[in-house]
Amino acid sequence: MTLALLVGGALGTNSALAQSQKWVAAWAASAHGPYPSGNASAQPVLQFALEAAETGAVDQTFRMIIRPDLWGARARLRFSNAFGTRPVTLADVHVGLQSYAGNVAAGTNQRVLFGGKPNLTIPPGQVIFSDAVNLNFVKNADDALLTGRKLAVSFHVVGNSGPMTWHAKALQTSYLSAPRTGSHSRETSDSNFPFTTTSWFFLDAVEMMAPADAFVVACFGDSITDGTLSTLNGDDRWPDVLAHRLHALYGNRVSVINAGIGGNQIIGPASYAATAPVAGGPSALDRLERDVLSLAGVTHIVWLEGINDLSRGTPAEAVITGMQTLVKRVRARQIKIIGATLTSGVGYNGPAGTADVNERRQTVNQYIRTGGLFDGVADFDAATVDPQTGALRAAFQPNSTIGGAGDKLHPNRAGYQAMGNAIDLKLFASKPGKK
């Protein structure tokens, strides 16, 4: 990773233009464990595309579809083997503009290098950045026609990957070739990508070269940040709603990234091992550095988390102590952190729906609102609760991903809109370290 960072930096220091720009995170997906551990949504049956979790990918090509929240003429990609048990070799890596489905717009598919070489081997537990790559289709990063467009990142997995590091709940359709069919990364057609997935594999961050005054807001949390019950391919999680609002104010000088993981906890599990994975991944305290603080340009965090700790019997006081510990680490990096109140699970068919958890949730929420810990508060509970029942409002319950009544814990598209619109944008106007 050090080599990749040095190469990317060297490319950016040879012109006056580079002095007025910097790398910022434009997209991220927090890796949480080895496939298939985790909480995917609307996942197709993958047994024909990925024959066994132990062998992982077998001489095949992945085409991951991702939506940068900020555009630049140059990008670099971060690949992760954080939860692998053997080195993973990726080759023939390309990035281009998605045209539709798994197809790449003609003339945009660019080769990506690593220390000047066309392939990379990632040791277990490591992440590696690519060299900078020119996105020749980005003539003007402020071009409104780029808004909402997506990148297709293609790479060939050489041999057997072994356990694959992934982000289960992408809520975005990506594409896979069949096992033992070799590399198809250079192809713009998706005809050799017969299988789909609603998860992201190996790729966990994309950075763009952006104006020097650009800033990054990281939305940190669990499944309600990850977007459970939002629209498949709809990009309508609450961080997406917040991004739309911030772009209306700051244009292409702000990036909102999603660092949510379904099932994540603040302080649990006490330890995490890829050989014995937990669906929610490492605790927020354990993953903070890799998933947020290590990303370029982060100046603000909006943090919504704690319901999974409470559902596992954790006392409210322990959750609050975990919050205090994490906030202290964030403040040491001169990053502002906004605390979000926990939304209701009343009526949910599980521990989060019990009266005991709801009572502890309200204790935590009272502390978030009045404890003075955070630089600001996003009152998601007030924005989504039905005051008559104490549950999510009825209109926020039906499942936007696959239809049906919903689960009374995760908001739908309408609920996420209410949450994203409840955040006071003035909280992002001041510099980090100042309230």
Protein backbone atom coordinates (compact mmCIF):
# COMPACT_ATOMS: atom_id res chain seq x y z
CA MET A 1 0.00 0.00 0.00
CA THR A 2 2.85 2.40 0.72
CA LEU A 3 4.21 2.02 -2.81
CA ALA A 4 0.83 2.73 -4.35
CA LEU A 5 0.41 5.85 -2.24
CA LEU A 6 3.90 7.11 -3.15
CA VAL A 7 3.34 6.50 -6.85
CA GLY A 8 0.00 8.28 -6.78
CA GLY A 9 1.52 11.18 -4.86
CA ALA A 10 4.44 11.51 -7.28
CA LEU A 11 2.07 11.79 -10.19
CA GLY A 12 0.34 14.65 -8.46
CA THR A 13 3.30 16.91 -7.66
CA ASN A 14 4.60 17.84 -11.09
CA SER A 15 2.20 20.63 -12.00
CA ALA A 16 0.77 23.80 -10.56
CA LEU A 17 -2.69 22.31 -10.98
CA ALA A 18 -1.87 19.46 -8.62
CA GLN A 19 -0.92 21.94 -5.90
CA SER A 20 -4.52 23.18 -5.84
CA GLN A 21 -5.93 19.66 -5.68
CA LYS A 22 -5.83 16.67 -3.36
CA TRP A 23 -7.05 13.10 -3.10
CA VAL A 24 -10.46 12.63 -1.52
CA ALA A 25 -12.56 9.52 -0.97
CA ALA A 26 -15.32 9.45 -3.59
CA TRP A 27 -16.77 6.04 -2.78
CA ALA A 28 -16.27 3.38 -0.12
CA ALA A 29 -17.80 0.12 1.01
CA SER A 30 -16.70 -1.19 4.38
CA ALA A 31 -15.41 -4.74 4.12
CA HIS A 32 -16.74 -6.79 7.01
CA GLY A 33 -15.71 -10.40 6.55
CA PRO A 34 -15.27 -13.30 4.16
CA TYR A 35 -18.05 -14.29 1.76
CA PRO A 36 -20.74 -15.46 2.52
CA SER A 37 -20.84 -14.07 6.10
CA GLY A 38 -22.95 -10.96 6.36
CA ASN A 39 -26.38 -9.63 5.48
CA ALA A 40 -26.92 -9.32 1.73
CA SER A 41 -30.17 -7.95 0.31
CA ALA A 42 -31.96 -9.33 -2.77
CA GLN A 43 -28.99 -11.59 -3.50
CA PRO A 44 -29.36 -13.98 -6.45
CA VAL A 45 -28.36 -17.60 -5.95
CA LEU A 46 -24.58 -17.52 -6.43
CA GLN A 47 -23.71 -21.21 -6.47
CA PHE A 48 -23.10 -21.20 -10.22
CA ALA A 49 -20.96 -18.07 -10.18
CA LEU A 50 -19.10 -18.78 -6.93
CA GLU A 51 -18.91 -22.53 -6.48
CA ALA A 52 -17.56 -22.70 -2.92
CA ALA A 53 -16.73 -20.18 -0.22
CA GLU A 54 -13.48 -21.99 0.57
CA THR A 55 -12.09 -21.69 -2.97
CA GLY A 56 -13.73 -18.34 -3.68
CA ALA A 57 -13.32 -16.96 -7.17
CA VAL A 58 -11.72 -19.32 -9.69
CA ASP A 59 -10.04 -17.78 -12.74
CA GLN A 60 -12.92 -15.41 -13.47
CA THR A 61 -13.72 -11.73 -13.86
CA PHE A 62 -15.67 -9.41 -11.60
CA ARG A 63 -17.30 -6.20 -12.84
CA MET A 64 -18.22 -4.12 -9.81
CA ILE A 65 -20.63 -1.23 -10.42
CA ILE A 66 -20.14 1.69 -8.05
CA ARG A 67 -21.34 5.31 -7.91
CA PRO A 68 -18.74 7.92 -6.97
CA ASP A 69 -20.19 10.79 -4.99
CA LEU A 70 -17.58 13.16 -6.37
CA TRP A 71 -15.91 13.20 -9.79
CA GLY A 72 -12.38 13.99 -10.85
CA ALA A 73 -10.22 13.52 -13.92
CA ARG A 74 -7.96 11.11 -12.05
CA ALA A 75 -8.80 8.26 -9.72
CA ARG A 76 -7.15 5.52 -7.73
CA LEU A 77 -8.72 2.32 -6.46
CA ARG A 78 -8.26 0.43 -3.21
CA PHE A 79 -8.52 -3.35 -3.13
CA SER A 80 -8.84 -5.35 0.06
CA ASN A 81 -7.86 -8.81 1.21
CA ALA A 82 -8.58 -7.85 4.81
CA PHE A 83 -10.38 -11.10 5.57
CA GLY A 84 -8.57 -13.45 3.22
CA THR A 85 -6.46 -16.37 4.37
CA ARG A 86 -4.13 -16.50 1.37
CA PRO A 87 -2.63 -13.98 -1.08
CA VAL A 88 -5.05 -12.87 -3.79
CA THR A 89 -3.77 -12.01 -7.26
CA LEU A 90 -5.79 -9.62 -9.41
CA ALA A 91 -4.85 -8.87 -13.01
CA ASP A 92 -6.05 -6.90 -16.00
CA VAL A 93 -7.79 -4.31 -13.83
CA HIS A 94 -9.86 -1.75 -15.75
CA VAL A 95 -12.16 1.11 -14.88
CA GLY A 96 -14.68 2.76 -17.18
CA LEU A 97 -18.00 4.55 -17.29
CA GLN A 98 -20.97 2.23 -17.01
CA SER A 99 -23.36 2.66 -19.91
CA TYR A 100 -26.10 0.26 -18.79
CA ALA A 101 -26.28 -3.05 -16.94
CA GLY A 102 -22.78 -4.56 -17.07
CA ASN A 103 -21.74 -2.69 -20.20
CA VAL A 104 -18.97 -0.09 -20.33
CA ALA A 105 -19.28 3.04 -22.45
CA ALA A 106 -17.12 2.78 -25.56
CA GLY A 107 -13.77 4.53 -25.27
CA THR A 108 -13.82 4.88 -21.48
CA ASN A 109 -12.39 1.56 -20.25
CA GLN A 110 -8.95 2.39 -18.88
CA ARG A 111 -6.25 0.01 -17.67
CA VAL A 112 -5.26 0.37 -14.00
CA LEU A 113 -1.68 -0.25 -12.87
CA PHE A 114 -0.05 -1.00 -9.53
CA GLY A 115 3.46 0.32 -9.13
CA GLY A 116 3.57 0.40 -12.93
CA LYS A 117 2.57 -3.25 -13.23
CA PRO A 118 -0.71 -4.66 -14.60
CA ASN A 119 -1.39 -6.98 -11.70
CA LEU A 120 -1.16 -7.06 -7.93
CA THR A 121 -0.95 -9.66 -5.22
CA ILE A 122 -2.57 -8.66 -1.94
CA PRO A 123 -1.29 -10.46 1.17
CA PRO A 124 -3.86 -11.64 3.70
CA GLY A 125 -5.07 -8.83 5.93
CA GLN A 126 -3.83 -6.06 3.63
CA VAL A 127 -5.25 -3.38 1.32
CA ILE A 128 -3.48 -1.91 -1.72
CA PHE A 129 -4.07 1.28 -3.67
CA SER A 130 -3.59 1.45 -7.42
CA ASP A 131 -1.55 4.05 -9.24
CA ALA A 132 -3.47 7.09 -10.40
CA VAL A 133 -5.47 6.48 -13.58
CA ASN A 134 -6.76 9.17 -15.93
CA LEU A 135 -10.51 9.09 -16.51
CA ASN A 136 -10.46 10.44 -20.04
CA PHE A 137 -14.22 10.87 -20.20
CA VAL A 138 -14.19 13.41 -17.35
CA LYS A 139 -13.56 16.63 -19.24
CA ASN A 140 -15.13 18.79 -16.55
CA ALA A 141 -15.63 17.35 -13.07
CA ASP A 142 -18.45 19.84 -12.48
CA ASP A 143 -20.41 18.60 -15.52
CA ALA A 144 -23.97 17.97 -14.35
CA LEU A 145 -24.21 15.06 -16.80
CA LEU A 146 -21.86 13.08 -14.56
CA THR A 147 -24.23 13.31 -11.59
CA GLY A 148 -25.44 9.86 -10.66
CA ARG A 149 -23.32 8.09 -13.28
CA LYS A 150 -21.50 4.95 -12.23
CA LEU A 151 -18.15 3.32 -12.77
CA ALA A 152 -17.57 -0.25 -13.89
CA VAL A 153 -14.46 -1.65 -12.20
CA SER A 154 -13.39 -4.93 -13.79
CA PHE A 155 -10.66 -7.29 -12.61
CA HIS A 156 -9.55 -10.86 -13.25
CA VAL A 157 -9.02 -13.11 -10.23
CA VAL A 158 -6.05 -15.30 -11.09
CA GLY A 159 -6.34 -18.90 -9.93
CA ASN A 160 -8.31 -19.55 -6.73
CA SER A 161 -8.74 -16.59 -4.44
CA GLY A 162 -9.64 -18.50 -1.31
CA PRO A 163 -12.03 -16.72 1.11
CA MET A 164 -13.14 -13.45 -0.48
CA THR A 165 -13.28 -10.13 1.35
CA TRP A 166 -16.60 -8.48 0.53
CA HIS A 167 -19.36 -6.02 1.41
CA ALA A 168 -22.59 -8.00 1.41
CA LYS A 169 -25.27 -5.31 1.28
CA ALA A 170 -24.33 -3.29 -1.77
CA LEU A 171 -27.95 -2.91 -2.93
CA GLN A 172 -26.33 -2.43 -6.35
CA THR A 173 -26.27 -4.98 -9.16
CA SER A 174 -22.77 -6.01 -10.25
CA TYR A 175 -21.65 -8.70 -12.68
CA LEU A 176 -19.58 -11.90 -12.65
CA SER A 177 -18.19 -14.12 -15.37
CA ALA A 178 -18.36 -17.89 -15.01
CA PRO A 179 -15.58 -19.73 -13.17
CA ARG A 180 -12.55 -20.80 -15.22
CA THR A 181 -13.30 -18.41 -18.08
CA GLY A 182 -10.28 -16.14 -17.65
CA SER A 183 -10.15 -12.39 -18.10
CA HIS A 184 -12.87 -10.28 -19.70
CA SER A 185 -11.92 -6.96 -18.12
CA ARG A 186 -11.05 -5.24 -21.39
CA GLU A 187 -14.40 -6.05 -22.97
CA THR A 188 -17.01 -3.31 -22.98
CA SER A 189 -19.87 -5.74 -23.50
CA ASP A 190 -21.39 -7.66 -20.60
CA SER A 191 -22.04 -10.75 -22.74
CA ASN A 192 -19.38 -12.72 -20.84
CA PHE A 193 -20.82 -11.70 -17.47
CA PRO A 194 -23.90 -13.93 -17.16
CA PHE A 195 -24.20 -13.79 -13.37
CA THR A 196 -25.24 -10.94 -11.10
CA THR A 197 -24.65 -10.12 -7.45
CA THR A 198 -25.94 -7.42 -5.13
CA SER A 199 -22.64 -7.33 -3.23
CA TRP A 200 -19.18 -5.85 -3.75
CA PHE A 201 -16.06 -8.02 -3.67
CA PHE A 202 -12.43 -7.00 -3.04
CA LEU A 203 -12.89 -3.35 -4.12
CA ASP A 204 -13.48 -1.20 -1.02
CA ALA A 205 -12.63 2.43 -1.89
CA VAL A 206 -12.17 4.84 -4.77
CA GLU A 207 -10.47 8.21 -4.43
CA MET A 208 -10.61 11.11 -6.88
CA MET A 209 -8.34 14.09 -7.36
CA ALA A 210 -10.48 17.04 -6.31
CA PRO A 211 -10.17 20.74 -5.46
CA ALA A 212 -8.09 21.51 -2.37
CA ASP A 213 -11.16 22.77 -0.50
CA ALA A 214 -13.16 19.57 -1.05
CA PHE A 215 -14.27 17.71 2.06
CA VAL A 216 -15.62 14.26 2.87
CA VAL A 217 -18.52 13.29 5.12
CA ALA A 218 -18.39 9.68 6.32
CA CYS A 219 -21.69 8.10 7.34
CA PHE A 220 -20.77 5.45 9.88
CA GLY A 221 -23.06 2.81 11.30
CA ASP A 222 -25.02 -0.41 10.91
CA SER A 223 -27.75 -1.73 8.58
CA ILE A 224 -29.82 1.46 8.76
CA THR A 225 -26.83 3.33 7.32
CA ASP A 226 -26.02 0.44 4.96
CA GLY A 227 -29.53 0.88 3.55
CA THR A 228 -31.56 -2.20 4.46
CA LEU A 229 -35.04 -1.98 2.86
CA SER A 230 -34.03 0.87 0.54
CA THR A 231 -34.51 0.54 -3.22
CA LEU A 232 -32.27 -1.88 -5.10
CA ASN A 233 -30.09 0.22 -7.46
CA GLY A 234 -32.02 3.27 -6.28
CA ASP A 235 -29.29 5.00 -4.24
CA ASP A 236 -31.84 6.26 -1.73
CA ARG A 237 -30.28 5.45 1.64
CA TRP A 238 -30.16 8.33 4.12
CA PRO A 239 -26.47 9.06 3.25
CA ASP A 240 -27.55 9.42 -0.40
CA VAL A 241 -30.26 11.90 0.59
CA LEU A 242 -27.73 13.86 2.63
CA ALA A 243 -25.35 13.84 -0.34
CA HIS A 244 -27.98 15.34 -2.66
CA ARG A 245 -28.56 18.17 -0.20
CA LEU A 246 -24.86 18.88 0.34
CA HIS A 247 -24.12 18.87 -3.39
CA ALA A 248 -26.82 21.52 -3.86
CA LEU A 249 -24.72 23.74 -1.56
CA TYR A 250 -21.14 22.72 -2.38
CA GLY A 251 -21.31 21.22 -5.86
CA ASN A 252 -18.45 18.85 -6.68
CA ARG A 253 -16.46 19.89 -3.58
CA VAL A 254 -18.12 17.51 -1.15
CA SER A 255 -18.21 13.74 -1.06
CA VAL A 256 -20.48 11.63 1.14
CA ILE A 257 -19.35 8.04 1.67
CA ASN A 258 -21.23 5.17 3.27
CA ALA A 259 -19.35 3.21 5.94
CA GLY A 260 -22.34 1.23 7.18
CA ILE A 261 -22.33 -2.53 7.79
CA GLY A 262 -25.49 -4.52 8.41
CA GLY A 263 -25.41 -6.01 11.92
CA ASN A 264 -22.47 -3.90 13.09
CA GLN A 265 -22.04 -3.08 16.80
CA ILE A 266 -20.14 -0.36 18.64
CA ILE A 267 -18.32 -2.54 21.16
CA GLY A 268 -19.05 -6.11 20.09
CA PRO A 269 -17.83 -8.63 19.23
CA ALA A 270 -14.96 -8.53 21.70
CA SER A 271 -12.71 -10.05 19.04
CA TYR A 272 -13.17 -10.87 15.38
CA ALA A 273 -11.50 -13.55 13.27
CA ALA A 274 -12.06 -14.26 9.59
CA THR A 275 -11.98 -17.97 10.41
CA ALA A 276 -14.97 -17.53 12.73
CA PRO A 277 -16.80 -14.53 11.24
CA VAL A 278 -19.65 -12.58 12.77
CA ALA A 279 -22.25 -11.27 10.34
CA GLY A 280 -21.85 -7.65 11.43
CA GLY A 281 -18.08 -7.67 11.11
CA PRO A 282 -15.59 -6.16 13.56
CA SER A 283 -16.91 -3.62 16.04
CA ALA A 284 -17.08 0.06 15.18
CA LEU A 285 -14.19 0.66 17.56
CA ASP A 286 -12.08 -1.96 15.78
CA ARG A 287 -12.87 -0.88 12.22
CA LEU A 288 -12.87 2.90 12.63
CA GLU A 289 -9.30 3.37 11.39
CA ARG A 290 -9.55 1.24 8.25
CA ASP A 291 -13.09 2.14 7.23
CA VAL A 292 -13.12 5.87 7.99
CA LEU A 293 -9.97 7.50 9.33
CA SER A 294 -7.69 6.02 6.67
CA LEU A 295 -9.78 7.47 3.83
CA ALA A 296 -8.54 10.68 2.25
CA GLY A 297 -10.20 13.99 3.04
CA VAL A 298 -12.59 12.98 5.82
CA THR A 299 -13.58 16.06 7.83
CA HIS A 300 -16.97 15.03 9.26
CA ILE A 301 -18.62 11.85 10.49
CA VAL A 302 -22.34 11.24 10.99
CA TRP A 303 -22.64 8.26 13.31
CA LEU A 304 -25.76 6.13 13.80
CA GLU A 305 -25.13 3.00 15.81
CA GLY A 306 -25.98 1.09 18.98
CA ILE A 307 -29.22 -0.81 18.36
CA ASN A 308 -27.36 -4.08 17.68
CA ASP A 309 -25.40 -3.73 20.93
CA LEU A 310 -28.63 -3.12 22.84
CA SER A 311 -30.32 -6.08 21.12
CA ARG A 312 -27.54 -8.33 22.40
CA GLY A 313 -28.15 -7.24 25.99
CA THR A 314 -25.49 -4.55 26.28
CA PRO A 315 -26.40 -2.00 28.97
CA ALA A 316 -27.09 1.55 27.83
CA GLU A 317 -24.20 2.77 29.99
CA ALA A 318 -21.76 0.48 28.16
CA VAL A 319 -23.00 1.73 24.78
CA ILE A 320 -22.49 5.31 25.94
CA THR A 321 -18.99 4.51 27.16
CA GLY A 322 -18.21 3.00 23.75
CA MET A 323 -19.45 6.16 22.10
CA GLN A 324 -17.23 8.28 24.31
CA THR A 325 -14.19 6.16 23.46
CA LEU A 326 -14.79 6.41 19.71
CA VAL A 327 -15.51 10.15 19.78
CA LYS A 328 -12.24 10.75 21.64
CA ARG A 329 -10.33 8.96 18.88
CA VAL A 330 -12.13 10.94 16.19
CA ARG A 331 -11.48 14.26 17.90
CA ALA A 332 -7.77 13.42 18.13
CA ARG A 333 -7.78 13.50 14.32
CA GLN A 334 -9.47 16.91 14.19
CA ILE A 335 -12.62 15.48 12.63
CA LYS A 336 -16.10 16.68 13.56
CA ILE A 337 -18.57 14.00 14.60
CA ILE A 338 -22.36 14.29 14.57
CA GLY A 339 -24.33 11.83 16.69
CA ALA A 340 -27.60 10.41 15.36
CA THR A 341 -30.36 9.19 17.65
CA LEU A 342 -31.34 5.52 17.29
CA THR A 343 -34.59 4.88 15.44
CA SER A 344 -37.36 2.74 16.91
CA GLY A 345 -37.66 -1.03 16.60
CA VAL A 346 -41.00 -1.29 18.39
CA GLY A 347 -42.99 -4.10 16.79
CA TYR A 348 -39.94 -5.79 15.26
CA ASN A 349 -40.02 -9.59 15.57
CA GLY A 350 -36.74 -9.86 17.42
CA PRO A 351 -34.82 -8.49 20.42
CA ALA A 352 -34.76 -4.96 19.01
CA GLY A 353 -38.55 -4.91 19.27
CA THR A 354 -38.76 -5.61 22.97
CA ALA A 355 -39.78 -3.10 25.62
CA ASP A 356 -36.47 -3.59 27.42
CA VAL A 357 -34.38 -2.69 24.37
CA ASN A 358 -36.64 0.27 23.65
CA GLU A 359 -36.17 1.59 27.17
CA ARG A 360 -32.38 1.34 26.89
CA ARG A 361 -32.55 2.90 23.41
CA GLN A 362 -34.34 5.91 24.84
CA THR A 363 -31.66 6.24 27.53
CA VAL A 364 -28.97 6.29 24.86
CA ASN A 365 -30.94 8.78 22.78
CA GLN A 366 -31.36 11.11 25.71
CA TYR A 367 -27.60 11.09 26.19
CA ILE A 368 -26.98 11.73 22.48
CA ARG A 369 -29.33 14.71 22.57
CA THR A 370 -28.19 16.27 25.83
CA GLY A 371 -24.83 14.79 26.86
CA GLY A 372 -22.72 17.29 24.94
CA LEU A 373 -20.52 14.55 23.50
CA PHE A 374 -21.06 15.33 19.84
CA ASP A 375 -20.44 18.38 17.67
CA GLY A 376 -24.08 18.20 16.64
CA VAL A 377 -27.10 15.91 16.72
CA ALA A 378 -29.18 14.41 13.91
CA ASP A 379 -32.44 13.43 15.54
CA PHE A 380 -33.39 10.48 13.34
CA ASP A 381 -35.70 9.11 16.02
CA ALA A 382 -37.81 12.26 16.06
CA ALA A 383 -37.90 12.28 12.24
CA THR A 384 -39.22 8.73 11.93
CA VAL A 385 -41.20 7.80 15.05
CA ASP A 386 -44.98 7.68 15.31
CA PRO A 387 -45.64 9.50 18.60
CA GLN A 388 -48.86 7.55 19.12
CA THR A 389 -47.32 4.07 18.92
CA GLY A 390 -43.61 4.62 19.53
CA ALA A 391 -42.90 2.61 16.37
CA LEU A 392 -41.67 3.71 12.95
CA ARG A 393 -44.36 5.66 11.14
CA ALA A 394 -46.56 3.37 9.06
CA ALA A 395 -45.53 5.02 5.79
CA PHE A 396 -41.88 4.26 6.56
CA GLN A 397 -42.35 0.52 7.10
CA PRO A 398 -43.08 -1.22 3.74
CA ASN A 399 -40.02 -2.86 2.18
CA SER A 400 -38.66 -0.86 -0.77
CA THR A 401 -36.13 -3.55 -1.79
CA ILE A 402 -38.29 -6.59 -2.48
CA GLY A 403 -41.77 -5.41 -1.53
CA GLY A 404 -43.92 -6.56 1.35
CA ALA A 405 -44.78 -5.14 4.73
CA GLY A 406 -41.27 -4.49 6.02
CA ASP A 407 -39.91 -5.45 9.43
CA LYS A 408 -40.71 -2.37 11.58
CA LEU A 409 -37.01 -1.89 12.34
CA HIS A 410 -35.48 -0.71 9.06
CA PRO A 411 -36.98 2.34 7.34
CA ASN A 412 -37.85 2.25 3.65
CA ARG A 413 -37.14 4.83 0.94
CA ALA A 414 -39.59 7.30 2.49
CA GLY A 415 -38.10 6.81 5.94
CA TYR A 416 -34.56 7.30 4.69
CA GLN A 417 -35.65 10.49 2.95
CA ALA A 418 -37.01 11.77 6.25
CA MET A 419 -33.74 10.91 7.98
CA GLY A 420 -31.52 12.50 5.34
CA ASN A 421 -33.66 15.64 5.37
CA ALA A 422 -33.54 15.88 9.18
CA ILE A 423 -29.82 16.69 9.28
CA ASP A 424 -29.00 20.38 9.77
CA LEU A 425 -26.60 21.28 6.95
CA LYS A 426 -25.15 24.07 9.07
CA LEU A 427 -23.30 21.33 10.96
CA PHE A 428 -21.00 20.97 7.95
CA ALA A 429 -20.27 24.66 7.49
CA SER A 430 -17.61 25.06 10.18
CA LYS A 431 -14.09 23.67 10.09
CA PRO A 432 -13.17 20.48 11.94
CA GLY A 433 -12.31 21.07 15.57
CA LYS A 434 -14.80 23.92 15.91
CA LYS A 435 -18.44 23.74 16.95
